[in-house]
N, C-alpha and C. Protein backbone atom coordinates (compact mmCIF):
# COMPACT_ATOMS: atom_id res chain seq x y z
N UNK A 1 -81.31 59.56 -32.01
CA UNK A 1 -82.61 59.35 -31.68
C UNK A 1 -82.10 59.37 -29.97
N UNK A 2 -82.97 59.71 -28.77
CA UNK A 2 -82.57 59.78 -27.23
C UNK A 2 -82.82 58.30 -26.76
N UNK A 3 -81.76 58.91 -26.08
CA UNK A 3 -81.78 57.73 -25.28
C UNK A 3 -82.93 56.69 -24.67
N UNK A 4 -83.98 57.21 -24.83
CA UNK A 4 -85.13 56.36 -24.04
C UNK A 4 -85.62 55.60 -25.81
N UNK A 5 -85.47 56.11 -26.95
CA UNK A 5 -85.77 55.81 -28.12
C UNK A 5 -84.94 55.15 -28.68
N UNK A 6 -83.65 54.66 -27.94
CA UNK A 6 -82.77 53.74 -28.09
C UNK A 6 -82.49 52.03 -27.16
N UNK A 7 -83.23 52.92 -25.81
CA UNK A 7 -83.86 50.90 -24.54
C UNK A 7 -85.09 50.77 -25.95
N UNK A 8 -86.13 51.83 -26.22
CA UNK A 8 -87.05 51.28 -26.79
C UNK A 8 -86.73 50.09 -28.30
N UNK A 9 -86.00 50.69 -29.16
CA UNK A 9 -85.68 49.53 -30.37
C UNK A 9 -85.04 48.70 -29.62
N UNK A 10 -84.02 48.76 -29.08
CA UNK A 10 -83.33 47.36 -28.39
C UNK A 10 -84.14 46.46 -27.85
N UNK A 11 -85.76 47.16 -27.36
CA UNK A 11 -85.90 46.40 -26.46
C UNK A 11 -86.86 45.43 -27.21
N UNK A 12 -87.57 46.40 -28.53
CA UNK A 12 -88.28 45.67 -29.48
C UNK A 12 -87.53 44.32 -30.43
N UNK A 13 -86.49 45.23 -30.35
CA UNK A 13 -85.34 44.37 -31.33
C UNK A 13 -85.46 42.98 -30.67
N UNK A 14 -84.97 42.94 -29.20
CA UNK A 14 -85.00 41.61 -28.22
C UNK A 14 -86.19 40.63 -28.04
N UNK A 15 -87.43 41.94 -28.20
CA UNK A 15 -88.36 40.96 -28.62
C UNK A 15 -88.55 40.17 -29.24
N UNK A 16 -88.55 40.78 -30.89
CA UNK A 16 -88.65 40.50 -32.22
C UNK A 16 -87.64 39.35 -32.10
N UNK A 17 -86.16 38.75 -31.46
CA UNK A 17 -85.14 37.65 -31.66
C UNK A 17 -86.15 36.57 -30.84
N UNK A 18 -86.89 37.01 -29.60
CA UNK A 18 -86.97 35.98 -28.61
C UNK A 18 -88.47 34.97 -29.54
N UNK A 19 -89.02 35.80 -30.29
CA UNK A 19 -90.73 35.36 -30.81
C UNK A 19 -89.97 34.77 -32.21
N UNK A 20 -88.85 35.39 -32.41
CA UNK A 20 -88.13 34.33 -33.53
C UNK A 20 -87.70 32.60 -33.15
N UNK A 21 -86.45 33.09 -31.88
CA UNK A 21 -86.23 31.98 -31.45
C UNK A 21 -87.30 31.49 -31.02
N UNK A 22 -88.13 31.36 -30.91
CA UNK A 22 -89.39 30.58 -30.00
C UNK A 22 -90.41 29.67 -31.24
N UNK A 23 -90.14 30.86 -32.39
CA UNK A 23 -90.56 29.87 -33.31
C UNK A 23 -90.22 28.95 -33.73
N UNK A 24 -88.94 29.08 -33.97
CA UNK A 24 -87.93 27.60 -34.53
C UNK A 24 -87.79 26.37 -33.41
N UNK A 25 -87.97 26.71 -32.31
CA UNK A 25 -88.11 25.80 -31.27
C UNK A 25 -89.38 25.29 -30.96
N UNK A 26 -90.05 25.44 -31.06
CA UNK A 26 -91.57 25.52 -31.44
C UNK A 26 -91.93 24.11 -32.86
N UNK A 27 -90.97 24.59 -34.52
CA UNK A 27 -91.03 24.37 -35.17
C UNK A 27 -90.55 23.22 -35.73
N UNK A 28 -89.04 22.79 -34.24
CA UNK A 28 -88.66 21.37 -34.26
C UNK A 28 -89.73 21.01 -33.46
N UNK A 29 -89.70 20.82 -32.49
CA UNK A 29 -90.85 20.68 -31.57
C UNK A 29 -92.03 19.67 -32.65
N UNK A 30 -92.59 20.62 -33.37
CA UNK A 30 -94.07 20.30 -34.29
C UNK A 30 -93.09 18.71 -35.09
N UNK A 31 -91.64 19.17 -35.83
CA UNK A 31 -91.68 18.35 -36.54
C UNK A 31 -91.15 16.56 -35.80
N UNK A 32 -90.57 16.95 -34.88
CA UNK A 32 -90.39 16.05 -33.64
C UNK A 32 -91.76 14.86 -33.43
N UNK A 33 -93.28 16.19 -33.00
CA UNK A 33 -94.21 15.29 -32.86
C UNK A 33 -94.80 14.83 -34.13
N UNK A 34 -94.65 15.15 -35.85
CA UNK A 34 -95.06 15.19 -36.42
C UNK A 34 -94.56 13.25 -36.28
N UNK A 35 -93.21 13.60 -36.58
CA UNK A 35 -92.62 11.94 -37.03
C UNK A 35 -92.82 11.19 -35.99
N UNK A 36 -92.66 11.34 -34.69
CA UNK A 36 -93.50 10.08 -33.71
C UNK A 36 -94.74 10.09 -33.63
N UNK A 37 -95.56 10.53 -33.50
CA UNK A 37 -97.15 10.11 -34.05
C UNK A 37 -97.96 9.96 -35.08
N UNK A 38 -96.86 10.61 -36.29
CA UNK A 38 -97.65 10.02 -37.24
C UNK A 38 -98.60 10.90 -37.65
N UNK A 39 -98.43 12.35 -37.30
CA UNK A 39 -99.94 13.15 -37.04
C UNK A 39 -99.27 14.36 -38.20
N UNK A 40 -100.49 14.76 -38.63
CA UNK A 40 -100.03 15.68 -40.19
C UNK A 40 -99.90 16.85 -39.96
N UNK A 41 -99.16 17.86 -40.83
CA UNK A 41 -98.79 19.66 -40.64
C UNK A 41 -99.59 19.93 -39.70
N UNK A 42 -100.89 19.99 -40.62
CA UNK A 42 -102.01 20.25 -40.22
C UNK A 42 -102.57 20.82 -38.81
N UNK A 43 -102.71 19.28 -38.76
CA UNK A 43 -103.16 19.08 -37.19
C UNK A 43 -102.34 19.15 -35.95
N UNK A 44 -101.08 19.04 -36.08
CA UNK A 44 -99.93 19.63 -35.10
C UNK A 44 -99.74 21.34 -34.91
N UNK A 45 -99.97 21.54 -36.46
CA UNK A 45 -99.60 23.64 -35.80
C UNK A 45 -101.20 23.61 -35.48
N UNK A 46 -102.29 23.19 -35.93
CA UNK A 46 -103.35 23.52 -34.84
C UNK A 46 -102.73 23.83 -33.87
N UNK A 47 -102.64 22.51 -33.38
CA UNK A 47 -102.26 22.30 -31.33
C UNK A 47 -101.57 23.09 -30.94
N UNK A 48 -100.37 23.46 -31.73
CA UNK A 48 -99.02 24.39 -31.71
C UNK A 48 -99.90 26.06 -31.33
N UNK A 49 -100.65 26.23 -32.59
CA UNK A 49 -101.09 27.57 -32.24
C UNK A 49 -102.55 27.69 -30.68
N UNK A 50 -102.94 26.61 -30.72
CA UNK A 50 -104.16 26.68 -29.94
C UNK A 50 -104.00 26.08 -28.22
N UNK A 51 -102.93 25.47 -28.43
CA UNK A 51 -102.82 25.20 -27.55
C UNK A 51 -101.18 25.14 -26.49
N UNK A 52 -100.26 25.59 -27.54
CA UNK A 52 -98.76 25.18 -27.01
C UNK A 52 -98.50 27.11 -27.01
N UNK A 53 -97.94 27.67 -27.89
CA UNK A 53 -97.43 28.67 -28.09
C UNK A 53 -98.46 29.57 -27.64
N UNK A 54 -97.58 31.00 -26.72
CA UNK A 54 -97.95 31.98 -25.71
C UNK A 54 -98.88 31.48 -25.00
N UNK A 55 -98.74 30.13 -24.55
CA UNK A 55 -100.41 29.41 -23.63
C UNK A 55 -99.95 30.05 -22.29
N UNK A 56 -100.97 30.57 -21.07
CA UNK A 56 -100.79 30.45 -20.04
C UNK A 56 -101.54 29.42 -19.55
N UNK A 57 -101.12 28.65 -18.28
CA UNK A 57 -101.77 27.87 -17.95
C UNK A 57 -102.87 28.55 -16.41
N UNK A 58 -102.86 27.20 -15.71
CA UNK A 58 -103.07 27.74 -14.45
C UNK A 58 -102.38 28.04 -12.85
N UNK A 59 -101.53 26.76 -13.84
CA UNK A 59 -100.18 26.28 -13.13
C UNK A 59 -99.23 27.67 -13.62
N UNK A 60 -98.19 28.14 -12.78
CA UNK A 60 -97.64 29.03 -12.97
C UNK A 60 -96.67 28.83 -13.93
N UNK A 61 -96.11 27.64 -12.92
CA UNK A 61 -94.97 26.72 -14.59
C UNK A 61 -95.75 26.63 -16.14
N UNK A 62 -96.71 26.13 -16.03
CA UNK A 62 -97.09 26.29 -17.49
C UNK A 62 -97.69 27.60 -18.79
N UNK A 63 -96.17 28.64 -18.35
CA UNK A 63 -95.93 29.73 -19.60
C UNK A 63 -95.36 29.40 -20.29
N UNK A 64 -95.43 29.57 -21.70
CA UNK A 64 -94.95 28.81 -22.47
C UNK A 64 -94.48 30.43 -23.61
N UNK A 65 -93.57 30.24 -24.07
CA UNK A 65 -93.15 31.83 -25.01
C UNK A 65 -93.87 32.36 -25.95
N UNK A 66 -93.96 33.33 -26.54
CA UNK A 66 -94.86 33.95 -27.32
C UNK A 66 -93.43 33.37 -28.92
N UNK A 67 -94.20 33.75 -29.46
CA UNK A 67 -93.58 33.10 -30.60
C UNK A 67 -94.09 33.96 -31.94
N UNK A 68 -93.48 33.82 -33.01
CA UNK A 68 -93.77 34.39 -34.46
C UNK A 68 -94.56 33.09 -35.17
N UNK A 69 -95.67 33.27 -34.98
CA UNK A 69 -96.56 32.18 -35.79
C UNK A 69 -96.25 31.82 -36.75
N UNK A 70 -96.55 33.33 -37.73
CA UNK A 70 -95.89 33.11 -38.82
C UNK A 70 -94.25 32.11 -39.31
N UNK A 71 -93.86 32.75 -38.36
CA UNK A 71 -92.92 32.19 -39.06
C UNK A 71 -92.42 30.48 -38.81
N UNK A 72 -93.08 30.08 -37.62
CA UNK A 72 -93.34 29.01 -37.02
C UNK A 72 -94.15 27.76 -38.36
N UNK A 73 -95.04 29.06 -38.42
CA UNK A 73 -96.19 27.36 -39.78
C UNK A 73 -95.50 27.70 -40.82
N UNK A 74 -94.60 28.70 -41.27
CA UNK A 74 -93.67 28.38 -42.69
C UNK A 74 -92.57 27.59 -42.33
N UNK A 75 -91.77 27.58 -41.35
CA UNK A 75 -91.00 26.35 -41.56
C UNK A 75 -91.20 24.82 -41.51
N UNK A 76 -92.43 24.42 -40.76
CA UNK A 76 -93.26 23.37 -40.64
C UNK A 76 -93.78 23.52 -42.07
N UNK A 77 -94.77 23.82 -42.64
CA UNK A 77 -94.51 23.86 -43.91
C UNK A 77 -94.06 23.57 -44.96
N UNK A 78 -92.35 24.35 -44.73
CA UNK A 78 -91.39 24.60 -45.72
C UNK A 78 -91.13 23.18 -45.70
N UNK A 79 -90.10 22.47 -43.89
CA UNK A 79 -90.16 21.23 -44.02
C UNK A 79 -90.65 20.10 -44.65
N UNK A 80 -92.40 19.74 -44.44
CA UNK A 80 -92.71 19.15 -45.24
C UNK A 80 -93.40 19.40 -46.75
N UNK A 81 -93.00 20.16 -47.40
CA UNK A 81 -93.07 20.57 -49.24
C UNK A 81 -91.61 20.62 -49.30
N UNK A 82 -90.76 20.68 -48.38
CA UNK A 82 -88.75 20.21 -48.81
C UNK A 82 -88.41 19.20 -48.67
N UNK A 83 -89.55 18.38 -47.88
CA UNK A 83 -88.23 17.19 -46.85
C UNK A 83 -87.65 16.49 -47.64
N UNK A 84 -87.68 16.17 -48.94
CA UNK A 84 -86.85 15.24 -49.63
C UNK A 84 -85.68 15.92 -49.98
N UNK A 85 -85.77 17.09 -50.76
CA UNK A 85 -84.84 17.41 -51.02
C UNK A 85 -83.66 17.96 -49.50
N UNK A 86 -84.53 18.19 -48.49
CA UNK A 86 -83.79 18.75 -47.11
C UNK A 86 -82.65 17.06 -46.76
N UNK A 87 -83.74 16.53 -47.00
CA UNK A 87 -82.93 15.04 -46.15
C UNK A 87 -82.31 14.62 -47.17
N UNK A 88 -82.50 14.73 -48.42
CA UNK A 88 -80.85 14.58 -49.47
C UNK A 88 -80.25 15.24 -49.05
N UNK A 89 -79.92 16.70 -48.71
CA UNK A 89 -78.81 17.99 -48.20
C UNK A 89 -78.02 16.62 -47.36
N UNK A 90 -78.83 16.75 -45.90
CA UNK A 90 -78.82 16.58 -44.94
C UNK A 90 -77.95 14.98 -45.01
N UNK A 91 -78.53 13.79 -45.39
CA UNK A 91 -77.83 12.89 -46.01
C UNK A 91 -76.33 13.52 -46.71
N UNK A 92 -76.19 13.72 -47.52
CA UNK A 92 -74.78 14.43 -48.27
C UNK A 92 -74.01 15.24 -47.14
N UNK A 93 -74.22 15.13 -46.09
CA UNK A 93 -73.67 16.48 -44.95
C UNK A 93 -73.38 14.90 -44.05
N UNK A 94 -73.83 14.14 -43.67
CA UNK A 94 -73.60 13.20 -42.58
C UNK A 94 -72.77 12.17 -43.74
N UNK A 95 -72.25 11.70 -42.65
CA UNK A 95 -70.94 9.90 -42.82
C UNK A 95 -71.50 9.28 -43.80
N UNK A 96 -71.35 8.64 -44.70
CA UNK A 96 -72.16 7.74 -45.53
C UNK A 96 -73.01 6.34 -44.51
N UNK A 97 -71.71 5.77 -43.08
CA UNK A 97 -72.62 5.29 -42.73
C UNK A 97 -73.91 5.57 -41.66
N UNK A 98 -74.04 6.51 -42.18
CA UNK A 98 -74.84 7.38 -41.02
C UNK A 98 -76.12 8.08 -41.43
N UNK A 99 -76.75 7.31 -42.58
CA UNK A 99 -78.07 8.21 -43.21
C UNK A 99 -78.93 8.62 -42.08
N UNK A 100 -80.12 9.81 -42.62
CA UNK A 100 -80.44 10.91 -41.89
C UNK A 100 -81.73 9.63 -40.78
N UNK A 101 -82.16 8.25 -41.67
CA UNK A 101 -82.89 7.90 -40.89
C UNK A 101 -82.07 6.80 -39.89
N UNK A 102 -80.89 6.93 -38.97
CA UNK A 102 -80.25 6.33 -38.19
C UNK A 102 -79.94 7.41 -37.10
N UNK A 103 -80.13 8.85 -37.61
CA UNK A 103 -79.22 9.53 -36.35
C UNK A 103 -81.09 9.73 -35.37
N UNK A 104 -80.46 10.76 -34.78
CA UNK A 104 -81.38 10.85 -33.64
C UNK A 104 -82.90 11.38 -33.94
N UNK A 105 -83.71 11.62 -33.98
CA UNK A 105 -85.16 11.99 -34.02
C UNK A 105 -85.46 13.40 -33.93
N UNK A 106 -84.42 13.65 -32.87
CA UNK A 106 -84.53 15.42 -32.07
C UNK A 106 -83.91 16.02 -33.81
N UNK A 107 -82.77 15.25 -33.63
CA UNK A 107 -81.52 15.78 -34.53
C UNK A 107 -81.80 15.89 -36.15
N UNK A 108 -83.24 15.33 -36.19
CA UNK A 108 -83.35 14.99 -37.80
C UNK A 108 -84.77 16.28 -37.81
N UNK A 109 -85.13 16.56 -36.78
CA UNK A 109 -86.44 17.33 -36.70
C UNK A 109 -84.97 19.06 -36.36
N UNK A 110 -84.17 19.07 -35.90
CA UNK A 110 -83.06 20.15 -36.40
C UNK A 110 -82.47 20.49 -37.69
N UNK A 111 -82.46 19.60 -38.32
CA UNK A 111 -81.66 19.64 -39.60
C UNK A 111 -82.94 19.89 -40.54
N UNK A 112 -83.97 19.55 -40.21
CA UNK A 112 -85.10 19.46 -41.38
C UNK A 112 -85.94 21.00 -41.08
N UNK A 113 -85.78 21.50 -40.19
CA UNK A 113 -86.69 22.86 -39.89
C UNK A 113 -85.45 24.00 -40.50
N UNK A 114 -83.79 23.44 -40.12
CA UNK A 114 -83.25 24.88 -40.23
C UNK A 114 -83.04 24.69 -41.83
N UNK A 115 -83.07 23.42 -42.92
CA UNK A 115 -82.94 23.02 -43.94
C UNK A 115 -84.40 24.26 -44.59
N UNK A 116 -85.70 23.89 -44.07
CA UNK A 116 -86.72 24.37 -44.87
C UNK A 116 -85.78 26.24 -44.78
N UNK A 117 -85.03 26.34 -43.51
CA UNK A 117 -84.92 27.93 -44.08
C UNK A 117 -84.48 28.03 -44.51
N UNK A 118 -83.04 27.36 -44.69
CA UNK A 118 -82.14 27.38 -45.78
C UNK A 118 -82.63 27.38 -47.35
N UNK A 119 -83.41 26.63 -47.44
CA UNK A 119 -84.10 25.90 -48.86
C UNK A 119 -84.96 27.83 -49.06
N UNK A 120 -86.02 28.10 -48.53
CA UNK A 120 -86.47 29.45 -48.96
C UNK A 120 -86.24 30.26 -48.11
N UNK A 121 -86.07 30.46 -47.47
CA UNK A 121 -86.19 32.13 -46.60
C UNK A 121 -84.69 32.64 -47.16
N UNK A 122 -84.84 33.71 -46.53
CA UNK A 122 -84.18 34.93 -46.94
C UNK A 122 -82.94 34.90 -45.45
N UNK A 123 -83.27 34.51 -44.24
CA UNK A 123 -82.50 34.70 -43.36
C UNK A 123 -80.95 34.39 -43.69
N UNK A 124 -79.58 35.31 -43.97
CA UNK A 124 -78.60 34.46 -43.94
C UNK A 124 -78.68 33.27 -43.41
N UNK A 125 -77.58 32.74 -44.14
CA UNK A 125 -77.50 31.40 -43.25
C UNK A 125 -76.33 31.09 -42.53
N UNK A 126 -76.10 32.01 -41.97
CA UNK A 126 -74.75 32.28 -41.25
C UNK A 126 -75.28 31.94 -39.27
N UNK A 127 -76.55 33.54 -39.76
CA UNK A 127 -77.68 33.42 -38.36
C UNK A 127 -78.70 32.38 -38.21
N UNK A 128 -78.85 30.96 -39.82
CA UNK A 128 -79.60 29.85 -39.11
C UNK A 128 -79.27 29.06 -38.85
N UNK A 129 -77.64 28.86 -39.08
CA UNK A 129 -77.07 27.95 -38.25
C UNK A 129 -76.62 28.20 -36.92
N UNK A 130 -76.74 29.44 -36.69
CA UNK A 130 -76.48 29.90 -35.05
C UNK A 130 -77.23 29.91 -34.40
N UNK A 131 -78.90 30.05 -34.83
CA UNK A 131 -79.83 29.68 -34.05
C UNK A 131 -80.05 28.30 -34.08
N UNK A 132 -80.14 27.56 -34.76
CA UNK A 132 -80.04 26.20 -34.65
C UNK A 132 -79.03 25.51 -34.05
N UNK A 133 -77.45 26.04 -34.04
CA UNK A 133 -77.00 25.08 -33.01
C UNK A 133 -77.05 25.87 -31.44
N UNK A 134 -77.90 26.69 -31.28
CA UNK A 134 -78.26 27.28 -29.82
C UNK A 134 -79.34 26.04 -29.68
N UNK A 135 -80.35 26.07 -30.70
CA UNK A 135 -81.54 25.10 -30.01
C UNK A 135 -80.87 23.79 -29.69
N UNK A 136 -79.86 23.13 -30.52
CA UNK A 136 -79.06 22.05 -30.66
C UNK A 136 -78.99 22.12 -28.83
N UNK A 137 -77.82 23.19 -28.70
CA UNK A 137 -77.08 22.83 -27.41
C UNK A 137 -78.33 22.35 -26.41
N UNK A 138 -79.70 23.08 -26.45
CA UNK A 138 -80.63 23.44 -25.53
C UNK A 138 -80.97 21.99 -25.14
N UNK A 139 -81.05 21.26 -26.68
CA UNK A 139 -81.29 20.20 -26.41
C UNK A 139 -81.14 18.83 -25.29
N UNK A 140 -79.38 19.34 -25.99
CA UNK A 140 -78.33 18.17 -25.58
C UNK A 140 -77.69 19.11 -25.00
N UNK A 141 -77.66 19.19 -23.80
CA UNK A 141 -76.76 20.38 -23.08
C UNK A 141 -75.25 19.52 -22.68
N UNK A 142 -75.03 18.44 -22.16
CA UNK A 142 -74.20 17.52 -22.19
C UNK A 142 -73.41 16.95 -23.33
N UNK A 143 -73.79 16.48 -24.35
CA UNK A 143 -73.04 16.08 -25.37
C UNK A 143 -72.10 17.02 -26.26
N UNK A 144 -71.96 16.04 -27.60
CA UNK A 144 -71.74 17.19 -28.77
C UNK A 144 -72.59 17.67 -29.72
N UNK A 145 -73.17 16.73 -29.48
CA UNK A 145 -74.27 17.28 -30.32
C UNK A 145 -74.24 18.50 -31.70
N UNK A 146 -74.36 19.46 -30.78
CA UNK A 146 -74.20 20.86 -31.19
C UNK A 146 -72.84 20.86 -32.56
N UNK A 147 -71.76 20.52 -31.72
CA UNK A 147 -70.61 20.80 -32.97
C UNK A 147 -71.10 20.01 -34.14
N UNK A 148 -72.06 19.03 -34.13
CA UNK A 148 -72.23 18.22 -35.32
C UNK A 148 -73.45 18.80 -35.54
N UNK A 149 -74.27 19.24 -35.45
CA UNK A 149 -75.37 20.38 -35.93
C UNK A 149 -74.53 21.40 -36.93
N UNK A 150 -73.51 21.64 -36.02
CA UNK A 150 -73.03 22.86 -36.75
C UNK A 150 -72.32 22.36 -37.87
N UNK A 151 -71.50 21.52 -38.00
CA UNK A 151 -70.99 21.27 -39.13
C UNK A 151 -71.84 20.61 -40.69
N UNK A 152 -72.87 19.81 -39.57
CA UNK A 152 -73.93 19.19 -40.64
C UNK A 152 -74.98 20.42 -41.41
N UNK A 153 -74.86 21.73 -40.68
CA UNK A 153 -75.94 22.77 -41.33
C UNK A 153 -74.99 23.58 -41.88
N UNK A 154 -73.21 23.79 -41.22
CA UNK A 154 -72.26 24.15 -41.95
C UNK A 154 -72.79 23.98 -43.76
N UNK A 155 -71.92 22.46 -44.20
CA UNK A 155 -72.21 21.51 -45.14
C UNK A 155 -73.55 22.17 -46.32
N UNK A 156 -74.68 21.55 -45.29
CA UNK A 156 -75.57 22.18 -45.97
C UNK A 156 -76.41 24.13 -46.68
N UNK A 157 -75.72 24.52 -45.71
CA UNK A 157 -76.04 26.06 -46.11
C UNK A 157 -75.14 26.32 -47.63
N UNK A 158 -73.81 25.37 -47.37
CA UNK A 158 -73.32 25.54 -48.86
C UNK A 158 -73.56 25.11 -49.81
N UNK A 159 -74.16 24.11 -49.40
CA UNK A 159 -74.99 23.53 -50.83
C UNK A 159 -76.26 24.18 -51.60
N UNK A 160 -77.52 24.75 -50.61
CA UNK A 160 -78.46 25.13 -50.91
C UNK A 160 -78.04 26.60 -51.17
N UNK A 161 -77.15 27.66 -50.91
CA UNK A 161 -76.89 28.97 -50.83
C UNK A 161 -75.25 29.11 -50.87
N UNK A 162 -74.43 28.72 -52.01
CA UNK A 162 -73.25 28.91 -51.79
C UNK A 162 -72.95 30.28 -52.38
N UNK A 163 -73.60 30.98 -52.81
CA UNK A 163 -73.78 32.35 -52.87
C UNK A 163 -73.22 33.03 -51.67
N UNK A 164 -73.90 32.53 -50.41
CA UNK A 164 -73.92 33.47 -49.52
C UNK A 164 -71.71 33.03 -48.70
N UNK A 165 -71.58 32.51 -49.27
CA UNK A 165 -70.06 32.16 -48.85
C UNK A 165 -68.90 32.48 -49.85
N UNK A 166 -69.11 32.86 -50.50
CA UNK A 166 -68.61 34.25 -51.44
C UNK A 166 -67.69 34.61 -51.31
N UNK A 167 -66.38 35.42 -50.83
CA UNK A 167 -65.96 36.37 -50.35
C UNK A 167 -66.16 37.78 -51.94
């Protein structure tokens, strides 16, 4: 492949990764909104797809990232469909005195989105963990939450997909 072809392929890969990361971010936000406002998955997905994802506003500050819409919808749908299983996996990964309903709602949304991918997707668990740890760092830049998310997701991944961790 030529140098121009290499650059184009790298640019396409970076753009795809950015859309995937944005889809995960939007999914966490949507799951948070569903819980906080008591809204249905369908309503929140429509709102995000119509008014938030890739939206350019009249103000220059109102630009939101393009996202992989299919991944966004799949994560939200799977988090809802598998919520009981995901929450049970999360509870087992947490300290006994801190069941999932006692943790920060943003972290709950992170665990549910990541759990949806761990339970249903083919993405390698280590990639999922890395991506959601990055999201936790974005939401909690000053805290230790990212390390907490890493530990909980590692436990959840080993339970959901043990074959991915065998040597």
